[in-house]
PDB file of all heavy atoms in Angstrom:
ATOM      1  N   GLY A   1    -129.596   1.205 -39.514  1.00  0.00           N
ATOM      2  CA  GLY A   1    -129.768   2.621 -39.821  1.00  0.00           C
ATOM      3  C   GLY A   1    -129.825   3.468 -38.567  1.00  0.00           C
ATOM      4  O   GLY A   1    -129.113   4.474 -38.443  1.00  0.00           O
ATOM      5  N   ASN A   2    -130.659   3.072 -37.624  1.00  0.00           N
ATOM      6  CA  ASN A   2    -130.766   3.840 -36.379  1.00  0.00           C
ATOM      7  C   ASN A   2    -129.539   3.633 -35.485  1.00  0.00           C
ATOM      8  O   ASN A   2    -129.106   4.559 -34.800  1.00  0.00           O
ATOM      9  CB  ASN A   2    -132.062   3.509 -35.651  1.00  0.00           C
ATOM     10  CG  ASN A   2    -133.267   4.120 -36.343  1.00  0.00           C
ATOM     11  OD1 ASN A   2    -133.160   5.115 -37.062  1.00  0.00           O
ATOM     12  ND2 ASN A   2    -134.436   3.529 -36.134  1.00  0.00           N
ATOM     13  N   LEU A   3    -128.961   2.430 -35.511  1.00  0.00           N
ATOM     14  CA  LEU A   3    -127.748   2.185 -34.728  1.00  0.00           C
ATOM     15  C   LEU A   3    -126.585   3.038 -35.239  1.00  0.00           C
ATOM     16  O   LEU A   3    -125.787   3.545 -34.441  1.00  0.00           O
ATOM     17  CB  LEU A   3    -127.374   0.700 -34.758  1.00  0.00           C
ATOM     18  CG  LEU A   3    -126.113   0.301 -33.988  1.00  0.00           C
ATOM     19  CD1 LEU A   3    -126.230   0.661 -32.510  1.00  0.00           C
ATOM     20  CD2 LEU A   3    -125.836  -1.185 -34.165  1.00  0.00           C
ATOM     21  N   THR A   4    -126.498   3.214 -36.540  1.00  0.00           N
ATOM     22  CA  THR A   4    -125.447   4.065 -37.102  1.00  0.00           C
ATOM     23  C   THR A   4    -125.535   5.464 -36.508  1.00  0.00           C
ATOM     24  O   THR A   4    -124.512   6.052 -36.116  1.00  0.00           O
ATOM     25  CB  THR A   4    -125.551   4.119 -38.638  1.00  0.00           C
ATOM     26  OG1 THR A   4    -125.388   2.793 -39.163  1.00  0.00           O
ATOM     27  CG2 THR A   4    -124.499   5.036 -39.240  1.00  0.00           C
ATOM     28  N   ASP A   5    -126.744   6.003 -36.415  1.00  0.00           N
ATOM     29  CA  ASP A   5    -126.918   7.316 -35.787  1.00  0.00           C
ATOM     30  C   ASP A   5    -126.454   7.291 -34.335  1.00  0.00           C
ATOM     31  O   ASP A   5    -125.784   8.214 -33.870  1.00  0.00           O
ATOM     32  CB  ASP A   5    -128.388   7.752 -35.824  1.00  0.00           C
ATOM     33  CG  ASP A   5    -128.833   8.212 -37.198  1.00  0.00           C
ATOM     34  OD1 ASP A   5    -128.046   8.099 -38.163  1.00  0.00           O
ATOM     35  OD2 ASP A   5    -129.973   8.679 -37.312  1.00  0.00           O
ATOM     36  N   ARG A   6    -126.802   6.256 -33.618  1.00  0.00           N
ATOM     37  CA  ARG A   6    -126.441   6.177 -32.198  1.00  0.00           C
ATOM     38  C   ARG A   6    -124.923   6.078 -32.012  1.00  0.00           C
ATOM     39  O   ARG A   6    -124.388   6.506 -31.006  1.00  0.00           O
ATOM     40  CB  ARG A   6    -127.126   4.997 -31.540  1.00  0.00           C
ATOM     41  CG  ARG A   6    -128.650   5.144 -31.586  1.00  0.00           C
ATOM     42  CD  ARG A   6    -129.311   4.470 -30.430  1.00  0.00           C
ATOM     43  NE  ARG A   6    -130.761   4.517 -30.555  1.00  0.00           N
ATOM     44  CZ  ARG A   6    -131.509   5.538 -30.154  1.00  0.00           C
ATOM     45  NH1 ARG A   6    -130.946   6.605 -29.632  1.00  0.00           N
ATOM     46  NH2 ARG A   6    -132.819   5.499 -30.288  1.00  0.00           N
ATOM     47  N   ILE A   7    -124.241   5.538 -33.020  1.00  0.00           N
ATOM     48  CA  ILE A   7    -122.783   5.396 -32.934  1.00  0.00           C
ATOM     49  C   ILE A   7    -122.066   6.672 -33.367  1.00  0.00           C
ATOM     50  O   ILE A   7    -121.114   7.101 -32.707  1.00  0.00           O
ATOM     51  CB  ILE A   7    -122.315   4.189 -33.787  1.00  0.00           C
ATOM     52  CG1 ILE A   7    -122.784   2.890 -33.131  1.00  0.00           C
ATOM     53  CG2 ILE A   7    -120.797   4.199 -33.971  1.00  0.00           C
ATOM     54  CD1 ILE A   7    -122.549   1.648 -33.966  1.00  0.00           C
ATOM     55  N   VAL A   8    -122.502   7.298 -34.453  1.00  0.00           N
ATOM     56  CA  VAL A   8    -121.709   8.391 -35.036  1.00  0.00           C
ATOM     57  C   VAL A   8    -122.218   9.798 -34.746  1.00  0.00           C
ATOM     58  O   VAL A   8    -121.496  10.759 -34.964  1.00  0.00           O
ATOM     59  CB  VAL A   8    -121.571   8.217 -36.568  1.00  0.00           C
ATOM     60  CG1 VAL A   8    -120.950   6.876 -36.916  1.00  0.00           C
ATOM     61  CG2 VAL A   8    -122.903   8.385 -37.281  1.00  0.00           C
ATOM     62  N   ARG A   9    -123.424   9.954 -34.269  1.00  0.00           N
ATOM     63  CA  ARG A   9    -123.977  11.304 -34.076  1.00  0.00           C
ATOM     64  C   ARG A   9    -123.791  11.777 -32.636  1.00  0.00           C
ATOM     65  O   ARG A   9    -123.523  11.003 -31.728  1.00  0.00           O
ATOM     66  CB  ARG A   9    -125.445  11.331 -34.469  1.00  0.00           C
ATOM     67  CG  ARG A   9    -125.625  11.030 -35.960  1.00  0.00           C
ATOM     68  CD  ARG A   9    -126.949  11.484 -36.475  1.00  0.00           C
ATOM     69  NE  ARG A   9    -127.132  11.101 -37.847  1.00  0.00           N
ATOM     70  CZ  ARG A   9    -126.742  11.822 -38.900  1.00  0.00           C
ATOM     71  NH1 ARG A   9    -126.152  12.981 -38.707  1.00  0.00           N
ATOM     72  NH2 ARG A   9    -126.954  11.392 -40.127  1.00  0.00           N
ATOM     73  N   GLU A  10    -123.989  13.080 -32.451  1.00  0.00           N
ATOM     74  CA  GLU A  10    -123.900  13.713 -31.137  1.00  0.00           C
ATOM     75  C   GLU A  10    -125.006  13.170 -30.245  1.00  0.00           C
ATOM     76  O   GLU A  10    -126.066  12.839 -30.735  1.00  0.00           O
ATOM     77  CB  GLU A  10    -124.035  15.234 -31.270  1.00  0.00           C
ATOM     78  CG  GLU A  10    -122.897  15.894 -32.015  1.00  0.00           C
ATOM     79  CD  GLU A  10    -121.577  15.798 -31.281  1.00  0.00           C
ATOM     80  OE1 GLU A  10    -121.600  15.822 -30.030  1.00  0.00           O
ATOM     81  OE2 GLU A  10    -120.548  15.683 -31.936  1.00  0.00           O
ATOM     82  N   PRO A  11    -124.785  13.012 -28.947  1.00  0.00           N
ATOM     83  CA  PRO A  11    -123.671  13.567 -28.198  1.00  0.00           C
ATOM     84  C   PRO A  11    -122.458  12.652 -28.090  1.00  0.00           C
ATOM     85  O   PRO A  11    -121.466  13.045 -27.502  1.00  0.00           O
ATOM     86  CB  PRO A  11    -124.273  13.836 -26.821  1.00  0.00           C
ATOM     87  CG  PRO A  11    -125.335  12.828 -26.663  1.00  0.00           C
ATOM     88  CD  PRO A  11    -125.870  12.591 -28.056  1.00  0.00           C
ATOM     89  N   GLY A  12    -122.499  11.432 -28.639  1.00  0.00           N
ATOM     90  CA  GLY A  12    -121.309  10.599 -28.588  1.00  0.00           C
ATOM     91  C   GLY A  12    -121.617   9.138 -28.857  1.00  0.00           C
ATOM     92  O   GLY A  12    -122.773   8.730 -29.026  1.00  0.00           O
ATOM     93  N   PHE A  13    -120.551   8.350 -28.882  1.00  0.00           N
ATOM     94  CA  PHE A  13    -120.618   6.927 -29.200  1.00  0.00           C
ATOM     95  C   PHE A  13    -121.646   6.196 -28.337  1.00  0.00           C
ATOM     96  O   PHE A  13    -121.625   6.304 -27.114  1.00  0.00           O
ATOM     97  CB  PHE A  13    -119.231   6.300 -29.012  1.00  0.00           C
ATOM     98  CG  PHE A  13    -119.177   4.840 -29.349  1.00  0.00           C
ATOM     99  CD1 PHE A  13    -119.165   4.427 -30.664  1.00  0.00           C
ATOM    100  CD2 PHE A  13    -119.147   3.892 -28.351  1.00  0.00           C
ATOM    101  CE1 PHE A  13    -119.110   3.076 -30.983  1.00  0.00           C
ATOM    102  CE2 PHE A  13    -119.091   2.540 -28.652  1.00  0.00           C
ATOM    103  CZ  PHE A  13    -119.081   2.126 -29.980  1.00  0.00           C
ATOM    104  N   MET A  14    -122.562   5.500 -28.989  1.00  0.00           N
ATOM    105  CA  MET A  14    -123.648   4.712 -28.376  1.00  0.00           C
ATOM    106  C   MET A  14    -124.662   5.592 -27.638  1.00  0.00           C
ATOM    107  O   MET A  14    -125.582   5.088 -27.014  1.00  0.00           O
ATOM    108  CB  MET A  14    -123.104   3.632 -27.433  1.00  0.00           C
ATOM    109  CG  MET A  14    -122.227   2.594 -28.118  1.00  0.00           C
ATOM    110  SD  MET A  14    -123.097   1.596 -29.335  1.00  0.00           S
ATOM    111  CE  MET A  14    -123.777   0.329 -28.295  1.00  0.00           C
ATOM    112  N   ARG A  15    -124.493   6.905 -27.697  1.00  0.00           N
ATOM    113  CA  ARG A  15    -125.431   7.836 -27.067  1.00  0.00           C
ATOM    114  C   ARG A  15    -126.018   8.807 -28.086  1.00  0.00           C
ATOM    115  O   ARG A  15    -126.761   9.709 -27.742  1.00  0.00           O
ATOM    116  CB  ARG A  15    -124.730   8.629 -25.955  1.00  0.00           C
ATOM    117  CG  ARG A  15    -124.269   7.771 -24.800  1.00  0.00           C
ATOM    118  CD  ARG A  15    -123.523   8.561 -23.731  1.00  0.00           C
ATOM    119  NE  ARG A  15    -122.274   9.127 -24.244  1.00  0.00           N
ATOM    120  CZ  ARG A  15    -122.031  10.435 -24.350  1.00  0.00           C
ATOM    121  NH1 ARG A  15    -122.910  11.329 -23.963  1.00  0.00           N
ATOM    122  NH2 ARG A  15    -120.883  10.867 -24.835  1.00  0.00           N
ATOM    123  N   GLY A  16    -125.646   8.624 -29.364  1.00  0.00           N
ATOM    124  CA  GLY A  16    -126.082   9.539 -30.404  1.00  0.00           C
ATOM    125  C   GLY A  16    -127.591   9.544 -30.593  1.00  0.00           C
ATOM    126  O   GLY A  16    -128.272   8.553 -30.333  1.00  0.00           O
ATOM    127  N   HIS A  17    -128.079  10.672 -31.041  1.00  0.00           N
ATOM    128  CA  HIS A  17    -129.519  10.839 -31.262  1.00  0.00           C
ATOM    129  C   HIS A  17    -129.863  10.502 -32.707  1.00  0.00           C
ATOM    130  O   HIS A  17    -129.156  10.904 -33.635  1.00  0.00           O
ATOM    131  CB  HIS A  17    -129.944  12.261 -30.926  1.00  0.00           C
ATOM    132  CG  HIS A  17    -129.740  12.613 -29.493  1.00  0.00           C
ATOM    133  ND1 HIS A  17    -130.006  13.861 -28.995  1.00  0.00           N
ATOM    134  CD2 HIS A  17    -129.300  11.878 -28.432  1.00  0.00           C
ATOM    135  CE1 HIS A  17    -129.745  13.885 -27.692  1.00  0.00           C
ATOM    136  NE2 HIS A  17    -129.303  12.699 -27.339  1.00  0.00           N
ATOM    137  N   VAL A  18    -130.942   9.785 -32.886  1.00  0.00           N
ATOM    138  CA  VAL A  18    -131.402   9.357 -34.209  1.00  0.00           C
ATOM    139  C   VAL A  18    -132.050  10.546 -34.922  1.00  0.00           C
ATOM    140  O   VAL A  18    -132.846  11.275 -34.334  1.00  0.00           O
ATOM    141  CB  VAL A  18    -132.400   8.184 -34.080  1.00  0.00           C
ATOM    142  CG1 VAL A  18    -133.015   7.834 -35.424  1.00  0.00           C
ATOM    143  CG2 VAL A  18    -131.705   6.967 -33.471  1.00  0.00           C
ATOM    144  N   VAL A  19    -131.703  10.706 -36.194  1.00  0.00           N
ATOM    145  CA  VAL A  19    -132.286  11.766 -37.014  1.00  0.00           C
ATOM    146  C   VAL A  19    -133.639  11.286 -37.549  1.00  0.00           C
ATOM    147  O   VAL A  19    -133.728  10.244 -38.188  1.00  0.00           O
ATOM    148  CB  VAL A  19    -131.359  12.130 -38.197  1.00  0.00           C
ATOM    149  CG1 VAL A  19    -132.044  13.088 -39.157  1.00  0.00           C
ATOM    150  CG2 VAL A  19    -130.057  12.713 -37.683  1.00  0.00           C
ATOM    151  N   ASP A  20    -134.684  12.050 -37.264  1.00  0.00           N
ATOM    152  CA  ASP A  20    -136.024  11.809 -37.800  1.00  0.00           C
ATOM    153  C   ASP A  20    -136.420  13.035 -38.605  1.00  0.00           C
ATOM    154  O   ASP A  20    -136.088  14.166 -38.223  1.00  0.00           O
ATOM    155  CB  ASP A  20    -137.038  11.577 -36.670  1.00  0.00           C
ATOM    156  CG  ASP A  20    -136.828  10.261 -35.950  1.00  0.00           C
ATOM    157  OD1 ASP A  20    -136.412   9.285 -36.596  1.00  0.00           O
ATOM    158  OD2 ASP A  20    -137.099  10.200 -34.737  1.00  0.00           O
ATOM    159  N   PHE A  21    -137.151  12.839 -39.705  1.00  0.00           N
ATOM    160  CA  PHE A  21    -137.495  13.996 -40.531  1.00  0.00           C
ATOM    161  C   PHE A  21    -138.774  13.821 -41.347  1.00  0.00           C
ATOM    162  O   PHE A  21    -139.241  14.769 -41.974  1.00  0.00           O
ATOM    163  CB  PHE A  21    -136.344  14.345 -41.483  1.00  0.00           C
ATOM    164  CG  PHE A  21    -136.035  13.235 -42.444  1.00  0.00           C
ATOM    165  CD1 PHE A  21    -136.600  13.226 -43.710  1.00  0.00           C
ATOM    166  CD2 PHE A  21    -135.213  12.199 -42.078  1.00  0.00           C
ATOM    167  CE1 PHE A  21    -136.331  12.192 -44.591  1.00  0.00           C
ATOM    168  CE2 PHE A  21    -134.944  11.157 -42.945  1.00  0.00           C
ATOM    169  CZ  PHE A  21    -135.501  11.155 -44.213  1.00  0.00           C
ATOM    170  N   LEU A  22    -139.353  12.644 -41.382  1.00  0.00           N
ATOM    171  CA  LEU A  22    -140.598  12.407 -42.115  1.00  0.00           C
ATOM    172  C   LEU A  22    -141.764  12.586 -41.155  1.00  0.00           C
ATOM    173  O   LEU A  22    -141.790  11.962 -40.088  1.00  0.00           O
ATOM    174  CB  LEU A  22    -140.615  10.996 -42.716  1.00  0.00           C
ATOM    175  CG  LEU A  22    -139.463  10.676 -43.670  1.00  0.00           C
ATOM    176  CD1 LEU A  22    -139.444   9.188 -44.002  1.00  0.00           C
ATOM    177  CD2 LEU A  22    -139.559  11.513 -44.930  1.00  0.00           C
ATOM    178  N   HIS A  23    -142.726  13.418 -41.524  1.00  0.00           N
ATOM    179  CA  HIS A  23    -143.813  13.710 -40.598  1.00  0.00           C
ATOM    180  C   HIS A  23    -145.173  13.629 -41.288  1.00  0.00           C
ATOM    181  O   HIS A  23    -145.508  14.467 -42.124  1.00  0.00           O
ATOM    182  CB  HIS A  23    -143.621  15.091 -39.979  1.00  0.00           C
ATOM    183  CG  HIS A  23    -144.588  15.388 -38.893  1.00  0.00           C
ATOM    184  ND1 HIS A  23    -145.014  16.648 -38.590  1.00  0.00           N
ATOM    185  CD2 HIS A  23    -145.232  14.569 -38.008  1.00  0.00           C
ATOM    186  CE1 HIS A  23    -145.874  16.600 -37.581  1.00  0.00           C
ATOM    187  NE2 HIS A  23    -146.020  15.355 -37.228  1.00  0.00           N
ATOM    188  N   LEU A  24    -145.914  12.607 -40.927  1.00  0.00           N
ATOM    189  CA  LEU A  24    -147.329  12.522 -41.295  1.00  0.00           C
ATOM    190  C   LEU A  24    -148.102  13.201 -40.177  1.00  0.00           C
ATOM    191  O   LEU A  24    -147.870  12.903 -39.002  1.00  0.00           O
ATOM    192  CB  LEU A  24    -147.784  11.063 -41.426  1.00  0.00           C
ATOM    193  CG  LEU A  24    -147.216  10.291 -42.605  1.00  0.00           C
ATOM    194  CD1 LEU A  24    -147.516   8.803 -42.455  1.00  0.00           C
ATOM    195  CD2 LEU A  24    -147.788  10.817 -43.905  1.00  0.00           C
ATOM    196  N   ASN A  25    -148.984  14.106 -40.541  1.00  0.00           N
ATOM    197  CA  ASN A  25    -149.741  14.806 -39.495  1.00  0.00           C
ATOM    198  C   ASN A  25    -150.431  13.800 -38.587  1.00  0.00           C
ATOM    199  O   ASN A  25    -150.873  12.745 -39.042  1.00  0.00           O
ATOM    200  CB  ASN A  25    -150.769  15.749 -40.118  1.00  0.00           C
ATOM    201  CG  ASN A  25    -150.095  16.984 -40.671  1.00  0.00           C
ATOM    202  OD1 ASN A  25    -148.870  17.069 -40.733  1.00  0.00           O
ATOM    203  ND2 ASN A  25    -150.891  17.947 -41.063  1.00  0.00           N
ATOM    204  N   HIS A  26    -150.501  14.101 -37.317  1.00  0.00           N
ATOM    205  CA  HIS A  26    -151.107  13.236 -36.292  1.00  0.00           C
ATOM    206  C   HIS A  26    -150.295  11.961 -36.083  1.00  0.00           C
ATOM    207  O   HIS A  26    -150.834  10.955 -35.648  1.00  0.00           O
ATOM    208  CB  HIS A  26    -152.565  12.911 -36.624  1.00  0.00           C
ATOM    209  CG  HIS A  26    -153.378  14.117 -36.960  1.00  0.00           C
ATOM    210  ND1 HIS A  26    -153.624  15.110 -36.052  1.00  0.00           N
ATOM    211  CD2 HIS A  26    -153.967  14.515 -38.117  1.00  0.00           C
ATOM    212  CE1 HIS A  26    -154.341  16.066 -36.619  1.00  0.00           C
ATOM    213  NE2 HIS A  26    -154.562  15.735 -37.867  1.00  0.00           N
ATOM    214  N   TRP A  27    -149.004  11.998 -36.413  1.00  0.00           N
ATOM    215  CA  TRP A  27    -148.123  10.860 -36.178  1.00  0.00           C
ATOM    216  C   TRP A  27    -146.744  11.410 -35.826  1.00  0.00           C
ATOM    217  O   TRP A  27    -146.335  12.433 -36.368  1.00  0.00           O
ATOM    218  CB  TRP A  27    -148.040   9.984 -37.439  1.00  0.00           C
ATOM    219  CG  TRP A  27    -147.447   8.641 -37.185  1.00  0.00           C
ATOM    220  CD1 TRP A  27    -146.184   8.232 -37.488  1.00  0.00           C
ATOM    221  CD2 TRP A  27    -148.076   7.527 -36.554  1.00  0.00           C
ATOM    222  NE1 TRP A  27    -145.989   6.938 -37.084  1.00  0.00           N
ATOM    223  CE2 TRP A  27    -147.143   6.473 -36.511  1.00  0.00           C
ATOM    224  CE3 TRP A  27    -149.344   7.311 -36.004  1.00  0.00           C
ATOM    225  CZ2 TRP A  27    -147.433   5.244 -35.946  1.00  0.00           C
ATOM    226  CZ3 TRP A  27    -149.619   6.073 -35.445  1.00  0.00           C
ATOM    227  CH2 TRP A  27    -148.676   5.059 -35.433  1.00  0.00           C
ATOM    228  N   PRO A  28    -145.995  10.753 -34.953  1.00  0.00           N
ATOM    229  CA  PRO A  28    -144.654  11.248 -34.619  1.00  0.00           C
ATOM    230  C   PRO A  28    -143.735  11.258 -35.847  1.00  0.00           C
ATOM    231  O   PRO A  28    -143.921  10.498 -36.793  1.00  0.00           O
ATOM    232  CB  PRO A  28    -144.156  10.235 -33.585  1.00  0.00           C
ATOM    233  CG  PRO A  28    -145.403   9.643 -33.013  1.00  0.00           C
ATOM    234  CD  PRO A  28    -146.384   9.603 -34.154  1.00  0.00           C
ATOM    235  N   VAL A  29    -142.713  12.079 -35.798  1.00  0.00           N
ATOM    236  CA  VAL A  29    -141.724  12.176 -36.872  1.00  0.00           C
ATOM    237  C   VAL A  29    -140.903  10.881 -36.892  1.00  0.00           C
ATOM    238  O   VAL A  29    -140.571  10.325 -35.844  1.00  0.00           O
ATOM    239  CB  VAL A  29    -140.828  13.416 -36.656  1.00  0.00           C
ATOM    240  CG1 VAL A  29    -139.836  13.583 -37.790  1.00  0.00           C
ATOM    241  CG2 VAL A  29    -141.679  14.672 -36.499  1.00  0.00           C
TER     242      VAL A  29
END
């Protein structure tokens, strides 16, 4: 799942940024 982001997302192949969106307060997204 996270590797897919690194392959297909910006800024480019194997450098892509992972999408995070779930946030429990007092915990990282």
